[in-house]
Amino acid sequence: MIYVTVGSAIGGAEFDRLIKKVDDIAPFFEEEFIVQVGASQYVPENMKWFDYVSYEESLEYFRKARLIIGHSGSGTIINALSLGKPLVVIPRLVKFNENTNDHQLEIAKLLEQSQTVHVVYDVDDLEPVIRKTLREFRDSEKEFSSVDRESLVSNMKEFLKSVRKQCGR
């Protein structure tokens, strides 16, 4: 199963750009897609979806998933890394009215440098990145060691604190 999440901010910005693209490509995968659409106005036709679930229910989807796809939000990143799940992130962008600033773009660039997460900036590039990530994870059959995960999560939390300070949040 591939779990797609756009974050848990109720009343948050829509992320229709991501939801539409995943709905378009879902039929071309053998994997089932389950999508948390949040505030999206788009109604998926090719996959199971829901608006919001509790944090515990969301974590259960993270645990069961072979791959996580999500916005470049701290909760999504930390949950996926903590559980050793492969992660593809697509930052919400101001130019599409998906966020009030481009802090997710900065987070995505940092993740890309660390080479621990696949980053997609253009949703048209999503399908090949999903296939590549699934293949890499299957072929290597490795997860981050618990020490690596703890280090990554700790570094990510510190980075997010600095980004929030810079953004005045």
C-alpha atoms as a PDB file:
ATOM      1  CA  MET A   1       0.000   0.000   0.000  1.00  0.00           C
ATOM      2  CA  ILE A   2       1.140   3.532  -0.781  1.00  0.00           C
ATOM      3  CA  TYR A   3       0.007   6.149   1.708  1.00  0.00           C
ATOM      4  CA  VAL A   4      -0.350   9.730   0.505  1.00  0.00           C
ATOM      5  CA  THR A   5      -0.772  12.460   3.100  1.00  0.00           C
ATOM      6  CA  VAL A   6      -1.144  16.214   2.742  1.00  0.00           C
ATOM      7  CA  GLY A   7      -0.881  16.984   6.442  1.00  0.00           C
ATOM      8  CA  SER A   8      -3.220  17.303   9.345  1.00  0.00           C
ATOM      9  CA  ALA A   9      -3.906  21.033   9.498  1.00  0.00           C
ATOM     10  CA  ILE A  10      -7.696  21.140   9.548  1.00  0.00           C
ATOM     11  CA  GLY A  11      -8.844  24.053   7.462  1.00  0.00           C
ATOM     12  CA  GLY A  12      -5.390  24.152   5.875  1.00  0.00           C
ATOM     13  CA  ALA A  13      -4.604  24.913   2.278  1.00  0.00           C
ATOM     14  CA  GLU A  14      -5.709  22.565  -0.459  1.00  0.00           C
ATOM     15  CA  PHE A  15      -3.125  20.429  -2.186  1.00  0.00           C
ATOM     16  CA  ASP A  16      -5.202  19.512  -5.244  1.00  0.00           C
ATOM     17  CA  ARG A  17      -2.098  19.527  -7.465  1.00  0.00           C
ATOM     18  CA  LEU A  18      -0.762  16.452  -5.645  1.00  0.00           C
ATOM     19  CA  ILE A  19      -4.097  14.683  -5.155  1.00  0.00           C
ATOM     20  CA  LYS A  20      -5.063  15.022  -8.853  1.00  0.00           C
ATOM     21  CA  LYS A  21      -1.709  13.706 -10.050  1.00  0.00           C
ATOM     22  CA  VAL A  22      -1.802  10.693  -7.724  1.00  0.00           C
ATOM     23  CA  ASP A  23      -5.379   9.956  -8.823  1.00  0.00           C
ATOM     24  CA  ASP A  24      -4.262  10.092 -12.469  1.00  0.00           C
ATOM     25  CA  ILE A  25      -1.361   7.661 -12.008  1.00  0.00           C
ATOM     26  CA  ALA A  26      -2.870   5.278  -9.419  1.00  0.00           C
ATOM     27  CA  PRO A  27      -4.461   2.962 -12.028  1.00  0.00           C
ATOM     28  CA  PHE A  28      -0.993   2.263 -13.482  1.00  0.00           C
ATOM     29  CA  PHE A  29       0.283   0.700 -10.257  1.00  0.00           C
ATOM     30  CA  GLU A  30      -0.428  -2.681  -8.740  1.00  0.00           C
ATOM     31  CA  GLU A  31      -0.174  -1.098  -5.297  1.00  0.00           C
ATOM     32  CA  GLU A  32      -3.269   0.217  -3.583  1.00  0.00           C
ATOM     33  CA  PHE A  33      -3.176   3.967  -2.882  1.00  0.00           C
ATOM     34  CA  ILE A  34      -4.788   5.350   0.259  1.00  0.00           C
ATOM     35  CA  VAL A  35      -4.925   9.132   0.392  1.00  0.00           C
ATOM     36  CA  GLN A  36      -5.558  11.637   3.147  1.00  0.00           C
ATOM     37  CA  VAL A  37      -6.883  14.584   1.120  1.00  0.00           C
ATOM     38  CA  GLY A  38      -7.269  17.110   3.938  1.00  0.00           C
ATOM     39  CA  ALA A  39      -8.881  20.340   2.734  1.00  0.00           C
ATOM     40  CA  SER A  40      -8.678  19.350  -0.930  1.00  0.00           C
ATOM     41  CA  GLN A  41     -11.757  20.061  -3.008  1.00  0.00           C
ATOM     42  CA  TYR A  42     -10.825  17.392  -5.534  1.00  0.00           C
ATOM     43  CA  VAL A  43     -12.602  14.062  -5.087  1.00  0.00           C
ATOM     44  CA  PRO A  44     -10.395  11.110  -6.119  1.00  0.00           C
ATOM     45  CA  GLU A  45     -11.886   8.460  -8.405  1.00  0.00           C
ATOM     46  CA  ASN A  46      -9.114   5.856  -8.540  1.00  0.00           C
ATOM     47  CA  MET A  47      -8.124   5.337  -4.934  1.00  0.00           C
ATOM     48  CA  LYS A  48      -9.401   5.096  -1.382  1.00  0.00           C
ATOM     49  CA  TRP A  49      -9.406   8.414   0.429  1.00  0.00           C
ATOM     50  CA  PHE A  50     -10.501  10.272   3.536  1.00  0.00           C
ATOM     51  CA  ASP A  51     -10.310  13.859   4.754  1.00  0.00           C
ATOM     52  CA  TYR A  52      -8.775  13.415   8.193  1.00  0.00           C
ATOM     53  CA  VAL A  53      -8.210  10.675  10.757  1.00  0.00           C
ATOM     54  CA  SER A  54      -6.807  10.713  14.262  1.00  0.00           C
ATOM     55  CA  TYR A  55      -3.042  10.828  14.760  1.00  0.00           C
ATOM     56  CA  GLU A  56      -3.076   7.182  15.872  1.00  0.00           C
ATOM     57  CA  GLU A  57      -4.986   6.100  12.759  1.00  0.00           C
ATOM     58  CA  SER A  58      -2.619   8.068  10.557  1.00  0.00           C
ATOM     59  CA  LEU A  59       0.388   6.396  12.192  1.00  0.00           C
ATOM     60  CA  GLU A  60      -1.182   3.031  11.440  1.00  0.00           C
ATOM     61  CA  TYR A  61      -1.283   3.942   7.745  1.00  0.00           C
ATOM     62  CA  PHE A  62       2.384   4.980   7.987  1.00  0.00           C
ATOM     63  CA  ARG A  63       3.252   1.611   9.543  1.00  0.00           C
ATOM     64  CA  LYS A  64       1.388  -0.437   6.922  1.00  0.00           C
ATOM     65  CA  ALA A  65       2.620   1.496   3.896  1.00  0.00           C
ATOM     66  CA  ARG A  66       5.443   0.350   1.628  1.00  0.00           C
ATOM     67  CA  LEU A  67       5.909   3.970   0.563  1.00  0.00           C
ATOM     68  CA  ILE A  68       4.843   7.354   1.923  1.00  0.00           C
ATOM     69  CA  ILE A  69       4.151  10.292  -0.387  1.00  0.00           C
ATOM     70  CA  GLY A  70       3.474  13.646   1.191  1.00  0.00           C
ATOM     71  CA  HIS A  71       3.925  17.330   1.444  1.00  0.00           C
ATOM     72  CA  SER A  72       7.200  18.526   2.871  1.00  0.00           C
ATOM     73  CA  GLY A  73       5.733  18.976   6.349  1.00  0.00           C
ATOM     74  CA  SER A  74       7.552  18.161   9.541  1.00  0.00           C
ATOM     75  CA  GLY A  75       5.064  15.599  10.867  1.00  0.00           C
ATOM     76  CA  THR A  76       5.041  13.598   7.645  1.00  0.00           C
ATOM     77  CA  ILE A  77       8.826  13.630   7.393  1.00  0.00           C
ATOM     78  CA  ILE A  78       9.475  12.727  11.022  1.00  0.00           C
ATOM     79  CA  ASN A  79       6.875   9.941  11.055  1.00  0.00           C
ATOM     80  CA  ALA A  80       8.209   8.337   7.862  1.00  0.00           C
ATOM     81  CA  LEU A  81      11.867   8.599   8.903  1.00  0.00           C
ATOM     82  CA  SER A  82      11.134   7.338  12.413  1.00  0.00           C
ATOM     83  CA  LEU A  83       9.464   4.248  10.981  1.00  0.00           C
ATOM     84  CA  GLY A  84      12.170   3.673   8.365  1.00  0.00           C
ATOM     85  CA  LYS A  85       9.729   4.079   5.482  1.00  0.00           C
ATOM     86  CA  PRO A  86      10.776   5.299   2.033  1.00  0.00           C
ATOM     87  CA  LEU A  87       9.479   8.823   1.508  1.00  0.00           C
ATOM     88  CA  VAL A  88       8.735  10.998  -1.498  1.00  0.00           C
ATOM     89  CA  VAL A  89       7.972  14.633  -0.705  1.00  0.00           C
ATOM     90  CA  ILE A  90       6.388  17.343  -2.830  1.00  0.00           C
ATOM     91  CA  PRO A  91       6.646  20.766  -1.197  1.00  0.00           C
ATOM     92  CA  ARG A  92       3.578  22.966  -1.074  1.00  0.00           C
ATOM     93  CA  LEU A  93       4.399  26.153  -2.967  1.00  0.00           C
ATOM     94  CA  VAL A  94       3.281  29.760  -2.607  1.00  0.00           C
ATOM     95  CA  LYS A  95       3.049  30.164  -6.402  1.00  0.00           C
ATOM     96  CA  PHE A  96       0.164  27.638  -6.367  1.00  0.00           C
ATOM     97  CA  ASN A  97      -1.463  29.203  -3.260  1.00  0.00           C
ATOM     98  CA  GLU A  98      -0.712  26.020  -1.303  1.00  0.00           C
ATOM     99  CA  ASN A  99       1.114  27.776   1.527  1.00  0.00           C
ATOM    100  CA  THR A 100       1.764  31.233   2.948  1.00  0.00           C
ATOM    101  CA  ASN A 101       5.544  30.936   2.486  1.00  0.00           C
ATOM    102  CA  ASP A 102       7.990  28.539   0.860  1.00  0.00           C
ATOM    103  CA  HIS A 103       9.439  26.975   4.012  1.00  0.00           C
ATOM    104  CA  GLN A 104       8.483  23.529   2.666  1.00  0.00           C
ATOM    105  CA  LEU A 105      10.691  24.217  -0.342  1.00  0.00           C
ATOM    106  CA  GLU A 106      13.626  24.910   1.991  1.00  0.00           C
ATOM    107  CA  ILE A 107      12.917  21.721   3.925  1.00  0.00           C
ATOM    108  CA  ALA A 108      12.749  19.747   0.668  1.00  0.00           C
ATOM    109  CA  LYS A 109      16.117  21.126  -0.467  1.00  0.00           C
ATOM    110  CA  LEU A 110      17.715  20.075   2.820  1.00  0.00           C
ATOM    111  CA  LEU A 111      16.228  16.596   2.535  1.00  0.00           C
ATOM    112  CA  GLU A 112      17.448  16.304  -1.024  1.00  0.00           C
ATOM    113  CA  GLN A 113      20.999  17.156   0.095  1.00  0.00           C
ATOM    114  CA  SER A 114      20.839  14.469   2.780  1.00  0.00           C
ATOM    115  CA  GLN A 115      19.877  11.896   0.107  1.00  0.00           C
ATOM    116  CA  THR A 116      17.508  10.208   2.549  1.00  0.00           C
ATOM    117  CA  VAL A 117      14.287  11.256   0.843  1.00  0.00           C
ATOM    118  CA  HIS A 118      13.208  11.608  -2.776  1.00  0.00           C
ATOM    119  CA  VAL A 119      12.018  15.117  -3.597  1.00  0.00           C
ATOM    120  CA  VAL A 120       9.680  15.981  -6.465  1.00  0.00           C
ATOM    121  CA  TYR A 121       9.272  19.628  -7.421  1.00  0.00           C
ATOM    122  CA  ASP A 122       7.038  19.091 -10.462  1.00  0.00           C
ATOM    123  CA  VAL A 123       4.135  16.656 -10.029  1.00  0.00           C
ATOM    124  CA  ASP A 124       4.617  15.489 -13.620  1.00  0.00           C
ATOM    125  CA  ASP A 125       7.813  13.811 -12.372  1.00  0.00           C
ATOM    126  CA  LEU A 126       5.987  11.902  -9.631  1.00  0.00           C
ATOM    127  CA  GLU A 127       5.253   8.575 -11.359  1.00  0.00           C
ATOM    128  CA  PRO A 128       8.857   7.690 -12.281  1.00  0.00           C
ATOM    129  CA  VAL A 129      10.087   8.750  -8.833  1.00  0.00           C
ATOM    130  CA  ILE A 130       7.514   6.489  -7.153  1.00  0.00           C
ATOM    131  CA  ARG A 131       8.599   3.561  -9.318  1.00  0.00           C
ATOM    132  CA  LYS A 132      12.285   4.248  -8.665  1.00  0.00           C
ATOM    133  CA  THR A 133      11.750   4.563  -4.904  1.00  0.00           C
ATOM    134  CA  LEU A 134       9.743   1.327  -4.697  1.00  0.00           C
ATOM    135  CA  ARG A 135      12.385  -0.493  -6.746  1.00  0.00           C
ATOM    136  CA  GLU A 136      15.276   0.858  -4.647  1.00  0.00           C
ATOM    137  CA  PHE A 137      13.600  -0.065  -1.399  1.00  0.00           C
ATOM    138  CA  ARG A 138      12.627  -3.516  -2.637  1.00  0.00           C
ATOM    139  CA  ASP A 139      16.063  -4.225  -4.104  1.00  0.00           C
ATOM    140  CA  SER A 140      18.003  -3.068  -1.080  1.00  0.00           C
ATOM    141  CA  GLU A 141      15.538  -4.497   1.444  1.00  0.00           C
ATOM    142  CA  LYS A 142      17.163  -2.298   4.010  1.00  0.00           C
ATOM    143  CA  GLU A 143      15.835   0.203   6.425  1.00  0.00           C
ATOM    144  CA  PHE A 144      17.791   2.859   8.212  1.00  0.00           C
ATOM    145  CA  SER A 145      19.325   1.445  11.354  1.00  0.00           C
ATOM    146  CA  SER A 146      17.655   2.748  14.503  1.00  0.00           C
ATOM    147  CA  VAL A 147      20.749   4.886  15.170  1.00  0.00           C
ATOM    148  CA  ASP A 148      20.593   6.429  11.684  1.00  0.00           C
ATOM    149  CA  ARG A 149      16.860   7.079  12.057  1.00  0.00           C
ATOM    150  CA  GLU A 150      17.308   8.684  15.460  1.00  0.00           C
ATOM    151  CA  SER A 151      20.063  10.898  14.086  1.00  0.00           C
ATOM    152  CA  LEU A 152      18.002  11.873  11.039  1.00  0.00           C
ATOM    153  CA  VAL A 153      14.921  12.641  13.087  1.00  0.00           C
ATOM    154  CA  SER A 154      16.939  14.654  15.600  1.00  0.00           C
ATOM    155  CA  ASN A 155      18.640  16.638  12.836  1.00  0.00           C
ATOM    156  CA  MET A 156      15.307  17.202  11.123  1.00  0.00           C
ATOM    157  CA  LYS A 157      13.705  18.509  14.308  1.00  0.00           C
ATOM    158  CA  GLU A 158      16.590  20.959  14.836  1.00  0.00           C
ATOM    159  CA  PHE A 159      16.382  22.141  11.256  1.00  0.00           C
ATOM    160  CA  LEU A 160      12.615  22.637  11.500  1.00  0.00           C
ATOM    161  CA  LYS A 161      13.061  24.722  14.650  1.00  0.00           C
ATOM    162  CA  SER A 162      15.486  26.997  12.808  1.00  0.00           C
ATOM    163  CA  VAL A 163      13.126  27.304   9.808  1.00  0.00           C
ATOM    164  CA  ARG A 164      10.227  28.214  12.098  1.00  0.00           C
ATOM    165  CA  LYS A 165      12.336  30.921  13.766  1.00  0.00           C
ATOM    166  CA  GLN A 166      13.282  32.345  10.382  1.00  0.00           C
ATOM    167  CA  CYS A 167       9.633  32.347   9.331  1.00  0.00           C
ATOM    168  CA  GLY A 168       8.575  34.009  12.604  1.00  0.00           C
ATOM    169  CA  ARG A 169       6.512  31.005  13.770  1.00  0.00           C
END
